[in-house]
């Protein structure tokens, strides 16, 4: 896939791992879904979504169709995913299985073991992140947390992510150090740092190698879909696959 249409994960994963995240460019969808919408549940022309997914597989040279989840902002991890499983994370120990999550502001987190034998993709919006989706994903690995690498894909940045007290309380109630990821604003609310919250949770779980983060979906409409910015919009796909 052309460089402008795809963000390759820049992390120390083995060479047998292909991983990254699409952008909104390079597809055939029109209107608010322009152009590489991967989501089949957002109101786009189904034929356009099929073609966009075909382009993802072909241009990124994926060995198989990604395993699409029905994401519910929860913490369930699907082991050896098929198609249409309910959950917000997927893990495989098989070659050729493409673990995938769809995003349009929520944070995608890709994880692999240092030997490349286990891989996972997790969907971490604030609800799932607070509830422990990353901890659940890490616990599903046979490898110890210290043997895992994590990569953070694009998500809404702190400057664009205004939240209320209930969101801050959900994190600070579990760990007072999470307060560092919330800045007060002039509206009596908070600006939340999803990247910072995810890094904190990953580090507390024992992962020392954390890459990526910082690309804002909200502030770059030419490159990314953003649900908070646009409401009706497409979805990007973050994916990871073990080739051999």
Protein backbone atom coordinates (compact mmCIF):
# COMPACT_ATOMS: atom_id res chain seq x y z
CA UNK A 1 0.00 0.00 0.00
CA UNK A 2 1.31 3.46 -0.83
CA UNK A 3 3.00 5.21 2.07
CA UNK A 4 0.25 7.82 2.35
CA UNK A 5 -2.40 5.08 2.65
CA UNK A 6 -0.74 2.96 5.31
CA UNK A 7 1.22 3.43 8.52
CA UNK A 8 3.64 0.59 9.10
CA UNK A 9 4.30 -0.26 12.73
CA UNK A 10 7.77 0.96 13.63
CA UNK A 11 8.77 -1.38 16.45
CA UNK A 12 11.29 -4.15 17.20
CA UNK A 13 8.98 -7.02 16.21
CA UNK A 14 10.50 -9.96 14.32
CA UNK A 15 10.64 -9.71 10.54
CA UNK A 16 7.99 -12.40 10.24
CA UNK A 17 5.39 -9.93 11.56
CA UNK A 18 3.49 -7.52 9.31
CA UNK A 19 1.62 -4.86 11.24
CA UNK A 20 0.26 -1.37 10.90
CA UNK A 21 -2.82 0.77 10.34
CA UNK A 22 -4.64 2.06 7.28
CA UNK A 23 -5.44 5.72 6.73
CA UNK A 24 -8.59 7.04 5.04
CA UNK A 25 -6.97 7.35 1.59
CA UNK A 26 -6.63 4.89 -1.27
CA UNK A 27 -10.15 3.48 -1.50
CA UNK A 28 -13.37 3.86 -3.48
CA UNK A 29 -15.93 5.03 -0.91
CA UNK A 30 -17.62 8.40 -1.34
CA UNK A 31 -19.15 11.13 0.78
CA UNK A 32 -18.38 11.01 4.51
CA UNK A 33 -16.72 7.60 3.99
CA UNK A 34 -14.17 8.87 1.46
CA UNK A 35 -12.19 6.91 0.57
CA UNK A 36 -10.69 3.78 2.23
CA UNK A 37 -13.51 3.00 4.64
CA UNK A 38 -13.03 -0.47 6.12
CA UNK A 39 -16.15 -0.51 8.31
CA UNK A 40 -19.17 -2.42 7.07
CA UNK A 41 -21.44 -1.17 9.85
CA UNK A 42 -21.40 2.59 9.28
CA UNK A 43 -23.83 3.03 6.38
CA UNK A 44 -21.39 2.93 3.47
CA UNK A 45 -22.13 1.13 0.18
CA UNK A 46 -21.39 -2.55 0.94
CA UNK A 47 -19.75 -3.03 -2.46
CA UNK A 48 -17.35 -0.18 -1.74
CA UNK A 49 -16.40 -1.72 1.61
CA UNK A 50 -15.74 -5.08 -0.06
CA UNK A 51 -13.46 -3.39 -2.59
CA UNK A 52 -11.66 -1.39 0.10
CA UNK A 53 -11.03 -4.54 2.12
CA UNK A 54 -9.79 -6.29 -1.01
CA UNK A 55 -7.33 -3.44 -1.58
CA UNK A 56 -6.11 -3.71 1.99
CA UNK A 57 -5.37 -7.41 1.58
CA UNK A 58 -3.79 -7.04 -1.86
CA UNK A 59 -1.65 -3.97 -1.37
CA UNK A 60 -0.38 -4.94 2.08
CA UNK A 61 0.21 -8.49 0.81
CA UNK A 62 -1.76 -10.08 3.61
CA UNK A 63 -2.08 -13.86 3.31
CA UNK A 64 -5.77 -13.90 4.23
CA UNK A 65 -8.82 -11.74 4.84
CA UNK A 66 -8.58 -10.06 8.24
CA UNK A 67 -10.67 -11.47 11.09
CA UNK A 68 -13.20 -8.69 11.68
CA UNK A 69 -14.59 -8.40 15.21
CA UNK A 70 -17.92 -7.06 16.39
CA UNK A 71 -16.43 -4.49 18.78
CA UNK A 72 -18.43 -3.54 21.86
CA UNK A 73 -16.01 -1.38 23.93
CA UNK A 74 -15.46 -4.26 26.33
CA UNK A 75 -12.56 -6.43 27.47
CA UNK A 76 -13.21 -9.81 25.86
CA UNK A 77 -10.26 -11.33 23.99
CA UNK A 78 -11.05 -13.72 21.14
CA UNK A 79 -8.46 -16.49 20.90
CA UNK A 80 -7.95 -17.71 17.32
CA UNK A 81 -10.59 -15.41 15.83
CA UNK A 82 -12.86 -16.29 12.96
CA UNK A 83 -15.28 -13.84 11.37
CA UNK A 84 -17.84 -11.84 13.29
CA UNK A 85 -16.71 -12.76 16.81
CA UNK A 86 -17.82 -10.39 19.57
CA UNK A 87 -14.87 -8.83 21.39
CA UNK A 88 -12.42 -5.97 21.49
CA UNK A 89 -9.17 -7.89 21.14
CA UNK A 90 -7.99 -10.88 19.13
CA UNK A 91 -4.99 -13.15 19.68
CA UNK A 92 -3.52 -15.90 17.53
CA UNK A 93 -0.64 -18.35 17.65
CA UNK A 94 -1.17 -19.44 14.06
CA UNK A 95 0.53 -18.25 10.87
CA UNK A 96 -1.55 -16.38 8.32
CA UNK A 97 -4.25 -15.19 10.73
CA UNK A 98 -4.78 -11.43 10.51
CA UNK A 99 -5.88 -10.01 13.87
CA UNK A 100 -7.66 -6.71 13.25
CA UNK A 101 -9.49 -3.90 15.03
CA UNK A 102 -11.33 -0.97 13.49
CA UNK A 103 -10.89 2.56 14.80
CA UNK A 104 -11.94 6.17 14.21
CA UNK A 105 -10.58 7.89 17.38
CA UNK A 106 -10.22 4.93 19.76
CA UNK A 107 -6.68 3.66 20.22
CA UNK A 108 -5.51 0.49 18.46
CA UNK A 109 -2.79 -1.43 20.30
CA UNK A 110 -0.84 -4.19 18.54
CA UNK A 111 1.15 -6.65 20.64
CA UNK A 112 3.53 -9.47 19.76
CA UNK A 113 5.89 -11.77 21.61
CA UNK A 114 9.59 -11.27 21.03
CA UNK A 115 9.82 -14.62 19.22
CA UNK A 116 6.92 -13.72 16.93
CA UNK A 117 4.91 -16.78 17.90
CA UNK A 118 2.00 -14.89 19.48
CA UNK A 119 0.31 -11.73 18.22
CA UNK A 120 -2.73 -9.69 19.19
CA UNK A 121 -4.70 -6.58 18.28
CA UNK A 122 -6.71 -4.64 20.87
CA UNK A 123 -9.30 -1.86 20.56
CA UNK A 124 -8.80 0.59 23.41
CA UNK A 125 -11.35 3.35 23.66
CA UNK A 126 -11.57 4.97 27.07
CA UNK A 127 -14.22 2.51 28.31
CA UNK A 128 -12.29 -0.58 27.31
CA UNK A 129 -9.02 0.90 28.47
CA UNK A 130 -10.43 1.72 31.90
CA UNK A 131 -12.10 -1.69 32.17
CA UNK A 132 -8.85 -3.53 31.42
CA UNK A 133 -8.86 -4.60 27.77
CA UNK A 134 -5.08 -4.30 27.58
CA UNK A 135 -4.55 -6.30 30.75
CA UNK A 136 -6.93 -8.99 29.46
CA UNK A 137 -5.03 -9.15 26.18
CA UNK A 138 -1.66 -9.43 27.89
CA UNK A 139 -2.98 -12.15 30.20
CA UNK A 140 -4.02 -14.21 27.16
CA UNK A 141 -0.40 -14.53 26.02
CA UNK A 142 1.69 -17.52 27.04
CA UNK A 143 4.75 -15.26 26.86
CA UNK A 144 5.57 -13.20 29.93
CA UNK A 145 4.80 -9.46 29.73
CA UNK A 146 8.51 -8.68 29.68
CA UNK A 147 8.75 -10.67 26.43
CA UNK A 148 6.12 -8.58 24.66
CA UNK A 149 6.32 -5.60 22.32
CA UNK A 150 3.46 -3.10 21.96
CA UNK A 151 2.71 -0.55 19.26
CA UNK A 152 0.20 2.29 19.59
CA UNK A 153 -1.57 3.34 16.41
CA UNK A 154 -3.34 6.63 15.61
CA UNK A 155 -6.06 7.89 17.97
CA UNK A 156 -7.61 11.12 19.20
CA UNK A 157 -5.01 13.29 20.93
CA UNK A 158 -5.22 14.98 24.31
CA UNK A 159 -5.78 18.42 22.81
CA UNK A 160 -8.93 17.18 21.05
CA UNK A 161 -10.30 14.71 23.60
CA UNK A 162 -12.51 16.56 26.07
CA UNK A 163 -14.14 14.38 28.72
CA UNK A 164 -16.15 14.76 31.90
CA UNK A 165 -15.43 13.83 35.49
CA UNK A 166 -16.82 10.32 34.99
CA UNK A 167 -14.02 9.44 32.59
CA UNK A 168 -11.27 10.82 34.81
CA UNK A 169 -12.80 9.11 37.86
CA UNK A 170 -12.86 5.77 36.05
CA UNK A 171 -9.08 5.86 35.71
CA UNK A 172 -8.00 7.75 38.82
CA UNK A 173 -10.23 5.55 40.96
CA UNK A 174 -8.06 2.62 39.93
CA UNK A 175 -4.70 4.40 39.99
CA UNK A 176 -4.12 7.92 41.26
CA UNK A 177 -1.13 8.27 38.93
CA UNK A 178 -3.56 8.33 36.01
CA UNK A 179 -4.34 11.92 36.98
CA UNK A 180 -1.21 12.96 35.08
CA UNK A 181 -3.04 12.10 31.84
CA UNK A 182 -5.87 14.60 32.48
CA UNK A 183 -5.51 18.35 32.11
CA UNK A 184 -8.29 20.74 33.22
CA UNK A 185 -9.75 22.97 30.53
CA UNK A 186 -11.69 26.23 30.52
CA UNK A 187 -15.02 24.38 30.28
CA UNK A 188 -14.69 22.78 33.71
CA UNK A 189 -13.89 19.48 32.03
CA UNK A 190 -10.75 17.54 31.20
CA UNK A 191 -8.47 16.86 28.24
CA UNK A 192 -7.63 13.16 28.34
CA UNK A 193 -4.43 11.59 26.99
CA UNK A 194 -5.36 8.14 25.62
CA UNK A 195 -1.77 7.48 24.60
CA UNK A 196 -0.48 8.30 28.07
CA UNK A 197 -3.16 6.20 29.77
CA UNK A 198 -2.38 3.22 27.53
CA UNK A 199 1.36 3.50 28.12
CA UNK A 200 0.77 3.61 31.85
CA UNK A 201 -1.42 0.51 31.77
CA UNK A 202 1.02 -1.38 29.55
CA UNK A 203 3.98 -0.48 31.75
CA UNK A 204 2.12 -1.47 34.90
CA UNK A 205 1.33 -4.81 33.28
CA UNK A 206 5.03 -5.39 32.67
CA UNK A 207 5.60 -4.42 29.03
CA UNK A 208 8.79 -2.42 28.70
CA UNK A 209 8.94 -2.03 24.91
CA UNK A 210 6.21 0.39 23.79
CA UNK A 211 6.38 2.12 20.40
CA UNK A 212 4.17 4.42 18.37
CA UNK A 213 1.58 6.85 19.65
CA UNK A 214 1.05 10.53 18.99
CA UNK A 215 -0.72 10.48 15.62
CA UNK A 216 -4.02 12.35 16.08
CA UNK A 217 -7.08 11.21 14.16
CA UNK A 218 -9.15 14.28 15.05
CA UNK A 219 -6.76 16.97 13.88
CA UNK A 220 -5.89 15.50 10.49
CA UNK A 221 -9.08 15.15 8.39
CA UNK A 222 -7.12 14.60 5.18
CA UNK A 223 -5.52 11.46 6.56
CA UNK A 224 -7.81 9.98 9.21
CA UNK A 225 -11.45 9.32 9.97
CA UNK A 226 -12.64 10.76 13.30
CA UNK A 227 -16.00 9.95 14.82
CA UNK A 228 -15.80 12.77 17.35
CA UNK A 229 -14.98 15.29 14.63
CA UNK A 230 -17.44 14.16 11.94
CA UNK A 231 -20.02 11.84 13.51
CA UNK A 232 -20.86 9.98 10.30
CA UNK A 233 -17.57 8.64 8.98
CA UNK A 234 -15.62 5.57 7.95
CA UNK A 235 -13.25 3.38 9.91
CA UNK A 236 -9.54 2.58 9.64
CA UNK A 237 -8.11 -0.88 10.34
CA UNK A 238 -5.14 -1.72 12.54
CA UNK A 239 -3.85 -5.22 11.84
CA UNK A 240 -1.12 -7.68 12.67
CA UNK A 241 -0.20 -10.99 11.07
CA UNK A 242 2.50 -13.63 11.50
CA UNK A 243 3.66 -14.65 8.04
CA UNK A 244 5.73 -17.71 8.94
